C-alpha cells in the first residue's frame, strides 16, 4: 500500500513538471515567433514616417533630420540616438535590394523623443534702406555670368508619374526654381526656360540659352524605370559634348554625391537640349520617381532644397575654375 502511494505521488510530480515545461516552451516559442515575425521597414520609409529627410547613409552611420531634430542610427554598434541622446538598441536588421531594413516599432520610440517646434517670434519688419544705400547695379553684374536653368517637361508633357502619384514636371520645376534663386543670390544672371506649368519645345529650350549667350545650361529631370528598386541621380552630357560640359558635369556630380542620394555617374546621350546648345550643357536626373522611397524623398522640401543647393554649388565650382 505504501509503495503504491509513493509511486502515485512520484507520477503526479512528474506530470506537473512536464506541464510546466510545456508552458515555458510555449511562452518561449511565442516570444521567439513574435521577434521573428516583427515587421521590418526601409530606412527611407522610416525617415518619411517621422517627417524627416536623409542627410547621410553609409554602412556605419545613417542620419535623418528636420529643422528641430536629428536621428542617428549606428547599425554596427546596434545603437539609435535622437538629438545626440541614446534612445535604444537598434535590434535586428536586414538588407533588401541593398537598402537597410529596421524594425518598424522603432518609429514610435523615435517620435516619443522628438523636440517640438518652438513658437516663432513675430517677424520684425526691416527698416527701408536709405536712398544712398540702395544698390545701383543689377545683381548679375557682380559676376557677369549668365546661367540657363531648364525645368524639364511641363504643360501637356507631364514626364513620368511617380510611385506616389505626383508628376515629374512639378518636381522639376520646384527644384529648378530653388536652384535659380540660390544662383541669383550668388550674383549670377539666371534665366528659366519656364517659370510655370507650360509646354516648351525642346529646341526652344536650347534656343533660350543660345540667344542669351549663356555660360552654362542645366536641365533638371527625374528618372524612371520598370525596375522599382533602382535609385540614385545621373548626369548626362552630349555624346559629342565639349570638354567644358564634362567638367561642369564633374563639378555637379561631386556636390550631389554629398547628399543622401547616391550617384550613378556621368553618362552620354544625344538629348536635344544638350546637342542644340552652344554653351556647356548637362542634364541632371535627380533621382528615381519609380522607386517609392526615393520618390517620397524627392517630394520632401528639405531634400529638394539640399539637391538644389548641390547643383547650384556645382555650377559655381565650375565657373570659378573655368
C-alpha atoms as a PDB file:
ATOM      1  CA  UNK A   1       0.000   0.000   0.000  1.00  0.00           C
ATOM      2  CA  UNK A   2       2.778   2.401   0.911  1.00  0.00           C
ATOM      3  CA  UNK A   3       4.697   1.505  -2.248  1.00  0.00           C
ATOM      4  CA  UNK A   4       1.658   2.203  -4.445  1.00  0.00           C
ATOM      5  CA  UNK A   5       1.078   5.598  -2.758  1.00  0.00           C
ATOM      6  CA  UNK A   6       4.710   6.538  -3.266  1.00  0.00           C
ATOM      7  CA  UNK A   7       4.523   5.701  -6.969  1.00  0.00           C
ATOM      8  CA  UNK A   8       1.338   7.714  -7.316  1.00  0.00           C
ATOM      9  CA  UNK A   9       2.974  10.761  -5.723  1.00  0.00           C
ATOM     10  CA  UNK A  10       6.060  10.464  -7.952  1.00  0.00           C
ATOM     11  CA  UNK A  11       3.907  10.160 -11.044  1.00  0.00           C
ATOM     12  CA  UNK A  12       1.908  13.274 -10.065  1.00  0.00           C
ATOM     13  CA  UNK A  13       5.107  15.273  -9.553  1.00  0.00           C
ATOM     14  CA  UNK A  14       6.479  14.207 -12.936  1.00  0.00           C
ATOM     15  CA  UNK A  15       3.237  15.171 -14.665  1.00  0.00           C
ATOM     16  CA  UNK A  16       3.273  18.615 -13.010  1.00  0.00           C
ATOM     17  CA  UNK A  17       6.892  19.225 -14.052  1.00  0.00           C
ATOM     18  CA  UNK A  18       6.157  18.150 -17.614  1.00  0.00           C
ATOM     19  CA  UNK A  19       3.164  20.516 -17.807  1.00  0.00           C
ATOM     20  CA  UNK A  20       5.236  23.440 -16.512  1.00  0.00           C
ATOM     21  CA  UNK A  21       7.971  22.715 -19.030  1.00  0.00           C
ATOM     22  CA  UNK A  22       5.467  22.696 -21.892  1.00  0.00           C
ATOM     23  CA  UNK A  23       4.064  26.029 -20.776  1.00  0.00           C
ATOM     24  CA  UNK A  24       7.539  27.588 -20.648  1.00  0.00           C
ATOM     25  CA  UNK A  25       8.380  26.176 -24.056  1.00  0.00           C
ATOM     26  CA  UNK A  26       5.166  27.590 -25.446  1.00  0.00           C
ATOM     27  CA  UNK A  27       5.955  31.001 -23.998  1.00  0.00           C
ATOM     28  CA  UNK A  28       9.471  30.946 -25.402  1.00  0.00           C
ATOM     29  CA  UNK A  29       8.194  29.799 -28.755  1.00  0.00           C
ATOM     30  CA  UNK A  30       5.591  32.561 -28.797  1.00  0.00           C
ATOM     31  CA  UNK A  31       8.147  35.258 -27.928  1.00  0.00           C
ATOM     32  CA  UNK A  32      10.594  33.904 -30.473  1.00  0.00           C
ATOM     33  CA  UNK A  33       7.865  33.847 -33.092  1.00  0.00           C
ATOM     34  CA  UNK A  34       6.927  37.474 -32.360  1.00  0.00           C
ATOM     35  CA  UNK A  35      10.538  38.565 -32.658  1.00  0.00           C
ATOM     36  CA  UNK A  36      10.990  36.542 -35.812  1.00  0.00           C
ATOM     37  CA  UNK A  37       7.881  37.987 -37.460  1.00  0.00           C
ATOM     38  CA  UNK A  38       8.293  41.615 -36.374  1.00  0.00           C
ATOM     39  CA  UNK A  39       7.623  43.992 -39.286  1.00  0.00           C
ATOM     40  CA  UNK A  40      10.715  45.479 -40.937  1.00  0.00           C
ATOM     41  CA  UNK A  41      10.752  48.807 -42.801  1.00  0.00           C
ATOM     42  CA  UNK A  42      13.122  50.589 -45.165  1.00  0.00           C
ATOM     43  CA  UNK A  43      15.197  53.407 -43.592  1.00  0.00           C
ATOM     44  CA  UNK A  44      13.850  55.879 -46.187  1.00  0.00           C
ATOM     45  CA  UNK A  45      10.330  54.870 -45.222  1.00  0.00           C
ATOM     46  CA  UNK A  46      11.192  55.315 -41.532  1.00  0.00           C
ATOM     47  CA  UNK A  47      12.587  58.793 -42.209  1.00  0.00           C
ATOM     48  CA  UNK A  48       9.408  59.738 -44.054  1.00  0.00           C
ATOM     49  CA  UNK A  49       7.169  58.376 -41.288  1.00  0.00           C
ATOM     50  CA  UNK A  50       8.860  60.583 -38.683  1.00  0.00           C
ATOM     51  CA  UNK A  51       8.737  63.578 -41.035  1.00  0.00           C
ATOM     52  CA  UNK A  52      12.443  63.876 -41.792  1.00  0.00           C
ATOM     53  CA  UNK A  53      14.793  63.669 -44.759  1.00  0.00           C
ATOM     54  CA  UNK A  54      18.033  61.742 -45.160  1.00  0.00           C
ATOM     55  CA  UNK A  55      21.315  63.600 -44.759  1.00  0.00           C
ATOM     56  CA  UNK A  56      23.773  60.687 -44.556  1.00  0.00           C
ATOM     57  CA  UNK A  57      23.628  56.994 -45.480  1.00  0.00           C
ATOM     58  CA  UNK A  58      26.693  54.776 -45.021  1.00  0.00           C
ATOM     59  CA  UNK A  59      27.262  51.260 -43.672  1.00  0.00           C
ATOM     60  CA  UNK A  60      28.432  52.772 -40.375  1.00  0.00           C
ATOM     61  CA  UNK A  61      26.036  55.672 -39.916  1.00  0.00           C
ATOM     62  CA  UNK A  62      22.565  56.774 -41.022  1.00  0.00           C
ATOM     63  CA  UNK A  63      21.300  60.262 -40.233  1.00  0.00           C
ATOM     64  CA  UNK A  64      17.987  61.950 -40.973  1.00  0.00           C
ATOM     65  CA  UNK A  65      16.705  65.249 -39.675  1.00  0.00           C
ATOM     66  CA  UNK A  66      14.318  68.157 -39.855  1.00  0.00           C
ATOM     67  CA  UNK A  67      14.580  71.743 -38.624  1.00  0.00           C
ATOM     68  CA  UNK A  68      14.443  70.741 -34.952  1.00  0.00           C
ATOM     69  CA  UNK A  69      15.611  67.114 -34.676  1.00  0.00           C
ATOM     70  CA  UNK A  70      18.364  64.721 -35.712  1.00  0.00           C
ATOM     71  CA  UNK A  71      18.105  60.932 -35.607  1.00  0.00           C
ATOM     72  CA  UNK A  72      21.335  58.911 -35.826  1.00  0.00           C
ATOM     73  CA  UNK A  73      21.409  55.149 -36.406  1.00  0.00           C
ATOM     74  CA  UNK A  74      24.669  53.236 -35.919  1.00  0.00           C
ATOM     75  CA  UNK A  75      23.974  49.759 -37.388  1.00  0.00           C
ATOM     76  CA  UNK A  76      27.325  48.180 -36.490  1.00  0.00           C
ATOM     77  CA  UNK A  77      27.095  49.425 -32.900  1.00  0.00           C
ATOM     78  CA  UNK A  78      23.388  48.473 -32.606  1.00  0.00           C
ATOM     79  CA  UNK A  79      22.502  51.971 -31.331  1.00  0.00           C
ATOM     80  CA  UNK A  80      19.929  54.675 -32.050  1.00  0.00           C
ATOM     81  CA  UNK A  81      20.246  58.306 -30.933  1.00  0.00           C
ATOM     82  CA  UNK A  82      17.739  61.162 -31.007  1.00  0.00           C
ATOM     83  CA  UNK A  83      19.242  64.655 -30.734  1.00  0.00           C
ATOM     84  CA  UNK A  84      22.537  63.108 -29.537  1.00  0.00           C
ATOM     85  CA  UNK A  85      20.761  61.254 -26.695  1.00  0.00           C
ATOM     86  CA  UNK A  86      20.836  57.450 -26.638  1.00  0.00           C
ATOM     87  CA  UNK A  87      17.389  56.066 -27.436  1.00  0.00           C
ATOM     88  CA  UNK A  88      17.623  52.270 -27.609  1.00  0.00           C
ATOM     89  CA  UNK A  89      19.228  49.286 -29.250  1.00  0.00           C
ATOM     90  CA  UNK A  90      18.556  49.087 -32.982  1.00  0.00           C
ATOM     91  CA  UNK A  91      17.779  45.367 -32.914  1.00  0.00           C
ATOM     92  CA  UNK A  92      17.570  43.039 -35.862  1.00  0.00           C
ATOM     93  CA  UNK A  93      18.345  44.462 -39.320  1.00  0.00           C
ATOM     94  CA  UNK A  94      18.479  43.103 -42.850  1.00  0.00           C
ATOM     95  CA  UNK A  95      19.140  44.368 -46.369  1.00  0.00           C
ATOM     96  CA  UNK A  96      16.679  44.202 -49.253  1.00  0.00           C
ATOM     97  CA  UNK A  97      17.869  45.462 -52.656  1.00  0.00           C
ATOM     98  CA  UNK A  98      20.919  46.934 -50.873  1.00  0.00           C
ATOM     99  CA  UNK A  99      18.688  49.105 -48.657  1.00  0.00           C
ATOM    100  CA  UNK A 100      18.777  48.629 -44.880  1.00  0.00           C
ATOM    101  CA  UNK A 101      15.593  47.421 -43.185  1.00  0.00           C
ATOM    102  CA  UNK A 102      14.997  48.020 -39.462  1.00  0.00           C
ATOM    103  CA  UNK A 103      12.213  47.111 -37.041  1.00  0.00           C
ATOM    104  CA  UNK A 104       9.029  49.132 -37.557  1.00  0.00           C
ATOM    105  CA  UNK A 105       8.454  49.545 -33.806  1.00  0.00           C
ATOM    106  CA  UNK A 106      11.360  51.989 -33.578  1.00  0.00           C
ATOM    107  CA  UNK A 107       9.180  54.636 -35.259  1.00  0.00           C
ATOM    108  CA  UNK A 108       7.087  55.190 -32.119  1.00  0.00           C
ATOM    109  CA  UNK A 109      10.192  55.206 -29.923  1.00  0.00           C
ATOM    110  CA  UNK A 110      11.750  57.947 -32.053  1.00  0.00           C
ATOM    111  CA  UNK A 111       8.561  60.037 -32.164  1.00  0.00           C
ATOM    112  CA  UNK A 112       8.281  59.951 -28.378  1.00  0.00           C
ATOM    113  CA  UNK A 113      11.664  61.710 -28.043  1.00  0.00           C
ATOM    114  CA  UNK A 114      11.403  64.344 -30.752  1.00  0.00           C
ATOM    115  CA  UNK A 115      11.635  68.007 -29.808  1.00  0.00           C
ATOM    116  CA  UNK A 116       8.560  70.082 -30.525  1.00  0.00           C
ATOM    117  CA  UNK A 117       8.959  73.229 -32.635  1.00  0.00           C
ATOM    118  CA  UNK A 118       9.325  76.347 -30.502  1.00  0.00           C
ATOM    119  CA  UNK A 119       6.943  79.190 -31.099  1.00  0.00           C
ATOM    120  CA  UNK A 120       8.452  81.531 -33.638  1.00  0.00           C
ATOM    121  CA  UNK A 121       8.973  85.134 -32.678  1.00  0.00           C
ATOM    122  CA  UNK A 122       6.971  87.630 -34.720  1.00  0.00           C
ATOM    123  CA  UNK A 123       8.990  88.918 -37.617  1.00  0.00           C
ATOM    124  CA  UNK A 124      10.324  92.426 -37.233  1.00  0.00           C
ATOM    125  CA  UNK A 125       9.980  94.406 -40.422  1.00  0.00           C
ATOM    126  CA  UNK A 126      13.326  95.731 -41.538  1.00  0.00           C
ATOM    127  CA  UNK A 127      13.661  99.459 -41.959  1.00  0.00           C
ATOM    128  CA  UNK A 128      13.978 100.532 -45.601  1.00  0.00           C
ATOM    129  CA  UNK A 129      17.444 101.340 -46.822  1.00  0.00           C
ATOM    130  CA  UNK A 130      18.408 104.953 -47.042  1.00  0.00           C
ATOM    131  CA  UNK A 131      18.476 106.214 -50.658  1.00  0.00           C
ATOM    132  CA  UNK A 132      22.292 106.189 -50.771  1.00  0.00           C
ATOM    133  CA  UNK A 133      22.300 102.531 -49.631  1.00  0.00           C
ATOM    134  CA  UNK A 134      20.111 101.238 -52.432  1.00  0.00           C
ATOM    135  CA  UNK A 135      22.043  99.010 -54.850  1.00  0.00           C
ATOM    136  CA  UNK A 136      22.827 100.748 -58.113  1.00  0.00           C
ATOM    137  CA  UNK A 137      23.679  97.625 -60.133  1.00  0.00           C
ATOM    138  CA  UNK A 138      21.702  94.622 -61.272  1.00  0.00           C
ATOM    139  CA  UNK A 139      22.772  91.630 -59.114  1.00  0.00           C
ATOM    140  CA  UNK A 140      24.212  89.638 -62.050  1.00  0.00           C
ATOM    141  CA  UNK A 141      26.603  92.467 -62.936  1.00  0.00           C
ATOM    142  CA  UNK A 142      28.649  91.298 -59.953  1.00  0.00           C
ATOM    143  CA  UNK A 143      29.739  88.145 -61.793  1.00  0.00           C
ATOM    144  CA  UNK A 144      28.838  88.770 -65.431  1.00  0.00           C
ATOM    145  CA  UNK A 145      27.762  85.116 -65.812  1.00  0.00           C
ATOM    146  CA  UNK A 146      24.521  84.004 -67.442  1.00  0.00           C
ATOM    147  CA  UNK A 147      23.057  80.650 -66.448  1.00  0.00           C
ATOM    148  CA  UNK A 148      20.006  78.983 -68.006  1.00  0.00           C
ATOM    149  CA  UNK A 149      18.081  76.551 -65.804  1.00  0.00           C
ATOM    150  CA  UNK A 150      15.639  74.301 -67.641  1.00  0.00           C
ATOM    151  CA  UNK A 151      12.808  72.620 -65.708  1.00  0.00           C
ATOM    152  CA  UNK A 152      12.135  69.515 -67.795  1.00  0.00           C
ATOM    153  CA  UNK A 153       8.682  68.745 -69.253  1.00  0.00           C
ATOM    154  CA  UNK A 154       5.666  70.943 -68.385  1.00  0.00           C
ATOM    155  CA  UNK A 155       2.114  71.644 -69.543  1.00  0.00           C
ATOM    156  CA  UNK A 156       0.756  68.853 -71.738  1.00  0.00           C
ATOM    157  CA  UNK A 157       4.005  66.913 -71.203  1.00  0.00           C
ATOM    158  CA  UNK A 158       3.949  65.707 -67.572  1.00  0.00           C
ATOM    159  CA  UNK A 159       7.026  63.484 -67.792  1.00  0.00           C
ATOM    160  CA  UNK A 160       6.894  60.368 -65.656  1.00  0.00           C
ATOM    161  CA  UNK A 161       4.379  59.774 -62.864  1.00  0.00           C
ATOM    162  CA  UNK A 162       5.926  58.848 -59.536  1.00  0.00           C
ATOM    163  CA  UNK A 163       5.254  55.743 -57.461  1.00  0.00           C
ATOM    164  CA  UNK A 164       3.335  58.067 -55.132  1.00  0.00           C
ATOM    165  CA  UNK A 165       1.156  59.549 -57.885  1.00  0.00           C
ATOM    166  CA  UNK A 166       2.646  63.029 -58.435  1.00  0.00           C
ATOM    167  CA  UNK A 167       4.152  64.125 -61.756  1.00  0.00           C
ATOM    168  CA  UNK A 168       7.747  64.724 -62.738  1.00  0.00           C
ATOM    169  CA  UNK A 169       7.097  68.152 -64.298  1.00  0.00           C
ATOM    170  CA  UNK A 170       6.145  69.551 -60.873  1.00  0.00           C
ATOM    171  CA  UNK A 171       9.237  68.196 -59.090  1.00  0.00           C
ATOM    172  CA  UNK A 172      11.461  69.501 -61.901  1.00  0.00           C
ATOM    173  CA  UNK A 173      10.011  72.999 -61.576  1.00  0.00           C
ATOM    174  CA  UNK A 174      10.224  73.036 -57.777  1.00  0.00           C
ATOM    175  CA  UNK A 175      13.910  72.109 -57.774  1.00  0.00           C
ATOM    176  CA  UNK A 176      14.791  74.306 -60.782  1.00  0.00           C
ATOM    177  CA  UNK A 177      13.250  77.385 -59.165  1.00  0.00           C
ATOM    178  CA  UNK A 178      15.247  76.809 -55.990  1.00  0.00           C
ATOM    179  CA  UNK A 179      18.460  76.414 -57.999  1.00  0.00           C
ATOM    180  CA  UNK A 180      17.735  79.665 -59.821  1.00  0.00           C
ATOM    181  CA  UNK A 181      17.164  81.577 -56.596  1.00  0.00           C
ATOM    182  CA  UNK A 182      20.367  80.276 -54.999  1.00  0.00           C
ATOM    183  CA  UNK A 183      22.376  81.301 -58.076  1.00  0.00           C
ATOM    184  CA  UNK A 184      20.765  84.738 -58.177  1.00  0.00           C
ATOM    185  CA  UNK A 185      21.712  85.209 -54.538  1.00  0.00           C
ATOM    186  CA  UNK A 186      25.298  84.459 -55.584  1.00  0.00           C
ATOM    187  CA  UNK A 187      25.195  87.309 -58.090  1.00  0.00           C
ATOM    188  CA  UNK A 188      24.552  85.418 -61.340  1.00  0.00           C
ATOM    189  CA  UNK A 189      22.101  86.303 -64.071  1.00  0.00           C
ATOM    190  CA  UNK A 190      19.689  83.356 -64.239  1.00  0.00           C
ATOM    191  CA  UNK A 191      17.141  82.638 -66.969  1.00  0.00           C
ATOM    192  CA  UNK A 192      14.462  79.960 -66.564  1.00  0.00           C
ATOM    193  CA  UNK A 193      13.139  78.232 -69.684  1.00  0.00           C
ATOM    194  CA  UNK A 194       9.807  78.036 -67.863  1.00  0.00           C
ATOM    195  CA  UNK A 195       8.541  79.525 -64.614  1.00  0.00           C
ATOM    196  CA  UNK A 196       5.163  77.801 -64.582  1.00  0.00           C
ATOM    197  CA  UNK A 197       3.348  74.695 -65.792  1.00  0.00           C
ATOM    198  CA  UNK A 198       3.721  75.380 -69.516  1.00  0.00           C
ATOM    199  CA  UNK A 199       4.855  73.342 -72.500  1.00  0.00           C
ATOM    200  CA  UNK A 200       8.118  74.412 -74.178  1.00  0.00           C
ATOM    201  CA  UNK A 201       9.538  72.671 -77.249  1.00  0.00           C
ATOM    202  CA  UNK A 202      12.934  71.050 -76.711  1.00  0.00           C
ATOM    203  CA  UNK A 203      14.602  73.102 -79.460  1.00  0.00           C
ATOM    204  CA  UNK A 204      13.245  76.314 -77.936  1.00  0.00           C
ATOM    205  CA  UNK A 205      14.766  75.445 -74.558  1.00  0.00           C
ATOM    206  CA  UNK A 206      18.184  75.270 -76.197  1.00  0.00           C
ATOM    207  CA  UNK A 207      17.458  78.415 -78.206  1.00  0.00           C
ATOM    208  CA  UNK A 208      16.823  80.343 -74.979  1.00  0.00           C
ATOM    209  CA  UNK A 209      20.402  79.608 -73.926  1.00  0.00           C
ATOM    210  CA  UNK A 210      21.818  80.415 -77.360  1.00  0.00           C
ATOM    211  CA  UNK A 211      20.023  83.778 -77.613  1.00  0.00           C
ATOM    212  CA  UNK A 212      21.212  84.744 -74.144  1.00  0.00           C
ATOM    213  CA  UNK A 213      24.798  83.642 -74.956  1.00  0.00           C
ATOM    214  CA  UNK A 214      24.678  81.666 -71.719  1.00  0.00           C
ATOM    215  CA  UNK A 215      27.774  80.453 -69.920  1.00  0.00           C
ATOM    216  CA  UNK A 216      26.003  77.347 -68.620  1.00  0.00           C
ATOM    217  CA  UNK A 217      22.835  75.349 -69.409  1.00  0.00           C
ATOM    218  CA  UNK A 218      21.464  72.842 -66.879  1.00  0.00           C
ATOM    219  CA  UNK A 219      18.289  70.817 -67.449  1.00  0.00           C
ATOM    220  CA  UNK A 220      16.546  69.276 -64.421  1.00  0.00           C
ATOM    221  CA  UNK A 221      14.663  65.973 -64.694  1.00  0.00           C
ATOM    222  CA  UNK A 222      13.691  62.962 -62.561  1.00  0.00           C
ATOM    223  CA  UNK A 223      14.276  59.382 -63.680  1.00  0.00           C
ATOM    224  CA  UNK A 224      12.017  56.338 -64.005  1.00  0.00           C
ATOM    225  CA  UNK A 225      12.475  52.610 -64.620  1.00  0.00           C
ATOM    226  CA  UNK A 226      10.444  49.420 -64.833  1.00  0.00           C
ATOM    227  CA  UNK A 227      12.771  48.154 -62.088  1.00  0.00           C
ATOM    228  CA  UNK A 228      11.358  49.790 -58.986  1.00  0.00           C
ATOM    229  CA  UNK A 229      14.479  49.064 -56.921  1.00  0.00           C
ATOM    230  CA  UNK A 230      16.689  51.434 -58.956  1.00  0.00           C
ATOM    231  CA  UNK A 231      17.781  54.601 -57.122  1.00  0.00           C
ATOM    232  CA  UNK A 232      20.260  57.459 -57.460  1.00  0.00           C
ATOM    233  CA  UNK A 233      20.957  60.527 -59.586  1.00  0.00           C
ATOM    234  CA  UNK A 234      22.555  60.505 -63.038  1.00  0.00           C
ATOM    235  CA  UNK A 235      24.183  63.332 -65.007  1.00  0.00           C
ATOM    236  CA  UNK A 236      24.208  63.367 -68.812  1.00  0.00           C
ATOM    237  CA  UNK A 237      26.371  65.193 -71.342  1.00  0.00           C
ATOM    238  CA  UNK A 238      26.049  65.073 -75.130  1.00  0.00           C
ATOM    239  CA  UNK A 239      27.902  62.265 -76.920  1.00  0.00           C
ATOM    240  CA  UNK A 240      29.921  64.884 -78.761  1.00  0.00           C
ATOM    241  CA  UNK A 241      29.745  67.321 -75.866  1.00  0.00           C
ATOM    242  CA  UNK A 242      32.625  69.668 -75.117  1.00  0.00           C
ATOM    243  CA  UNK A 243      35.366  69.202 -72.548  1.00  0.00           C
ATOM    244  CA  UNK A 244      33.739  72.079 -70.655  1.00  0.00           C
ATOM    245  CA  UNK A 245      30.444  70.169 -70.469  1.00  0.00           C
ATOM    246  CA  UNK A 246      32.270  67.222 -68.908  1.00  0.00           C
ATOM    247  CA  UNK A 247      33.941  69.494 -66.357  1.00  0.00           C
ATOM    248  CA  UNK A 248      30.550  71.014 -65.490  1.00  0.00           C
ATOM    249  CA  UNK A 249      29.110  67.505 -65.054  1.00  0.00           C
ATOM    250  CA  UNK A 250      32.031  66.529 -62.792  1.00  0.00           C
ATOM    251  CA  UNK A 251      31.546  69.597 -60.604  1.00  0.00           C
ATOM    252  CA  UNK A 252      27.817  68.961 -60.147  1.00  0.00           C
ATOM    253  CA  UNK A 253      28.366  65.237 -59.556  1.00  0.00           C
ATOM    254  CA  UNK A 254      30.924  65.991 -56.812  1.00  0.00           C
ATOM    255  CA  UNK A 255      28.473  68.225 -54.975  1.00  0.00           C
ATOM    256  CA  UNK A 256      25.418  65.998 -55.414  1.00  0.00           C
ATOM    257  CA  UNK A 257      27.345  62.987 -54.130  1.00  0.00           C
ATOM    258  CA  UNK A 258      27.352  64.750 -50.756  1.00  0.00           C
ATOM    259  CA  UNK A 259      23.564  64.392 -50.488  1.00  0.00           C
ATOM    260  CA  UNK A 260      21.938  61.152 -49.346  1.00  0.00           C
ATOM    261  CA  UNK A 261      21.028  60.227 -52.943  1.00  0.00           C
ATOM    262  CA  UNK A 262      23.775  58.116 -54.489  1.00  0.00           C
ATOM    263  CA  UNK A 263      25.484  58.807 -57.816  1.00  0.00           C
ATOM    264  CA  UNK A 264      25.052  56.621 -60.886  1.00  0.00           C
ATOM    265  CA  UNK A 265      27.863  58.509 -62.569  1.00  0.00           C
ATOM    266  CA  UNK A 266      28.120  60.645 -65.694  1.00  0.00           C
ATOM    267  CA  UNK A 267      26.727  59.223 -68.932  1.00  0.00           C
ATOM    268  CA  UNK A 268      26.411  60.341 -72.546  1.00  0.00           C
ATOM    269  CA  UNK A 269      23.216  60.771 -74.559  1.00  0.00           C
ATOM    270  CA  UNK A 270      22.027  62.810 -77.539  1.00  0.00           C
ATOM    271  CA  UNK A 271      19.209  64.670 -75.816  1.00  0.00           C
ATOM    272  CA  UNK A 272      18.203  67.659 -77.932  1.00  0.00           C
ATOM    273  CA  UNK A 273      18.611  70.123 -75.086  1.00  0.00           C
ATOM    274  CA  UNK A 274      22.258  69.029 -74.979  1.00  0.00           C
ATOM    275  CA  UNK A 275      23.037  68.769 -78.700  1.00  0.00           C
ATOM    276  CA  UNK A 276      21.344  72.058 -79.683  1.00  0.00           C
ATOM    277  CA  UNK A 277      23.008  74.320 -77.110  1.00  0.00           C
ATOM    278  CA  UNK A 278      26.229  76.188 -77.914  1.00  0.00           C
ATOM    279  CA  UNK A 279      27.390  76.512 -74.297  1.00  0.00           C
ATOM    280  CA  UNK A 280      28.471  73.842 -71.768  1.00  0.00           C
ATOM    281  CA  UNK A 281      25.298  71.844 -71.074  1.00  0.00           C
ATOM    282  CA  UNK A 282      24.264  68.973 -68.810  1.00  0.00           C
ATOM    283  CA  UNK A 283      21.045  67.183 -67.963  1.00  0.00           C
ATOM    284  CA  UNK A 284      20.587  66.087 -64.336  1.00  0.00           C
ATOM    285  CA  UNK A 285      18.247  63.224 -63.394  1.00  0.00           C
ATOM    286  CA  UNK A 286      17.906  63.978 -59.673  1.00  0.00           C
ATOM    287  CA  UNK A 287      16.570  60.544 -58.662  1.00  0.00           C
ATOM    288  CA  UNK A 288      14.112  57.760 -59.484  1.00  0.00           C
ATOM    289  CA  UNK A 289      10.409  58.553 -59.143  1.00  0.00           C
ATOM    290  CA  UNK A 290       9.681  54.890 -59.913  1.00  0.00           C
ATOM    291  CA  UNK A 291      11.221  53.957 -56.553  1.00  0.00           C
ATOM    292  CA  UNK A 292       8.632  54.504 -53.803  1.00  0.00           C
ATOM    293  CA  UNK A 293      11.096  55.571 -51.129  1.00  0.00           C
ATOM    294  CA  UNK A 294      13.162  57.852 -53.344  1.00  0.00           C
ATOM    295  CA  UNK A 295      10.012  59.440 -54.778  1.00  0.00           C
ATOM    296  CA  UNK A 296       8.938  60.247 -51.237  1.00  0.00           C
ATOM    297  CA  UNK A 297      12.314  61.879 -50.573  1.00  0.00           C
ATOM    298  CA  UNK A 298      12.168  63.929 -53.795  1.00  0.00           C
ATOM    299  CA  UNK A 299       8.772  65.288 -52.794  1.00  0.00           C
ATOM    300  CA  UNK A 300      10.212  66.410 -49.446  1.00  0.00           C
ATOM    301  CA  UNK A 301      11.012  70.144 -49.398  1.00  0.00           C
ATOM    302  CA  UNK A 302      14.189  69.715 -47.348  1.00  0.00           C
ATOM    303  CA  UNK A 303      15.541  67.163 -49.817  1.00  0.00           C
ATOM    304  CA  UNK A 304      14.638  69.392 -52.782  1.00  0.00           C
ATOM    305  CA  UNK A 305      16.495  72.248 -51.102  1.00  0.00           C
ATOM    306  CA  UNK A 306      19.527  70.035 -50.485  1.00  0.00           C
ATOM    307  CA  UNK A 307      19.610  68.901 -54.128  1.00  0.00           C
ATOM    308  CA  UNK A 308      19.124  72.441 -55.419  1.00  0.00           C
ATOM    309  CA  UNK A 309      21.977  73.659 -53.234  1.00  0.00           C
ATOM    310  CA  UNK A 310      24.234  70.874 -54.540  1.00  0.00           C
ATOM    311  CA  UNK A 311      23.503  71.672 -58.199  1.00  0.00           C
ATOM    312  CA  UNK A 312      23.995  75.403 -57.610  1.00  0.00           C
ATOM    313  CA  UNK A 313      27.280  74.814 -55.768  1.00  0.00           C
ATOM    314  CA  UNK A 314      28.454  72.528 -58.574  1.00  0.00           C
ATOM    315  CA  UNK A 315      27.737  75.227 -61.157  1.00  0.00           C
ATOM    316  CA  UNK A 316      29.561  77.784 -59.008  1.00  0.00           C
ATOM    317  CA  UNK A 317      32.580  75.477 -58.617  1.00  0.00           C
ATOM    318  CA  UNK A 318      32.751  75.049 -62.397  1.00  0.00           C
ATOM    319  CA  UNK A 319      32.544  78.795 -63.078  1.00  0.00           C
ATOM    320  CA  UNK A 320      35.295  79.519 -60.544  1.00  0.00           C
ATOM    321  CA  UNK A 321      37.720  77.185 -62.320  1.00  0.00           C
ATOM    322  CA  UNK A 322      36.594  77.888 -65.844  1.00  0.00           C
END
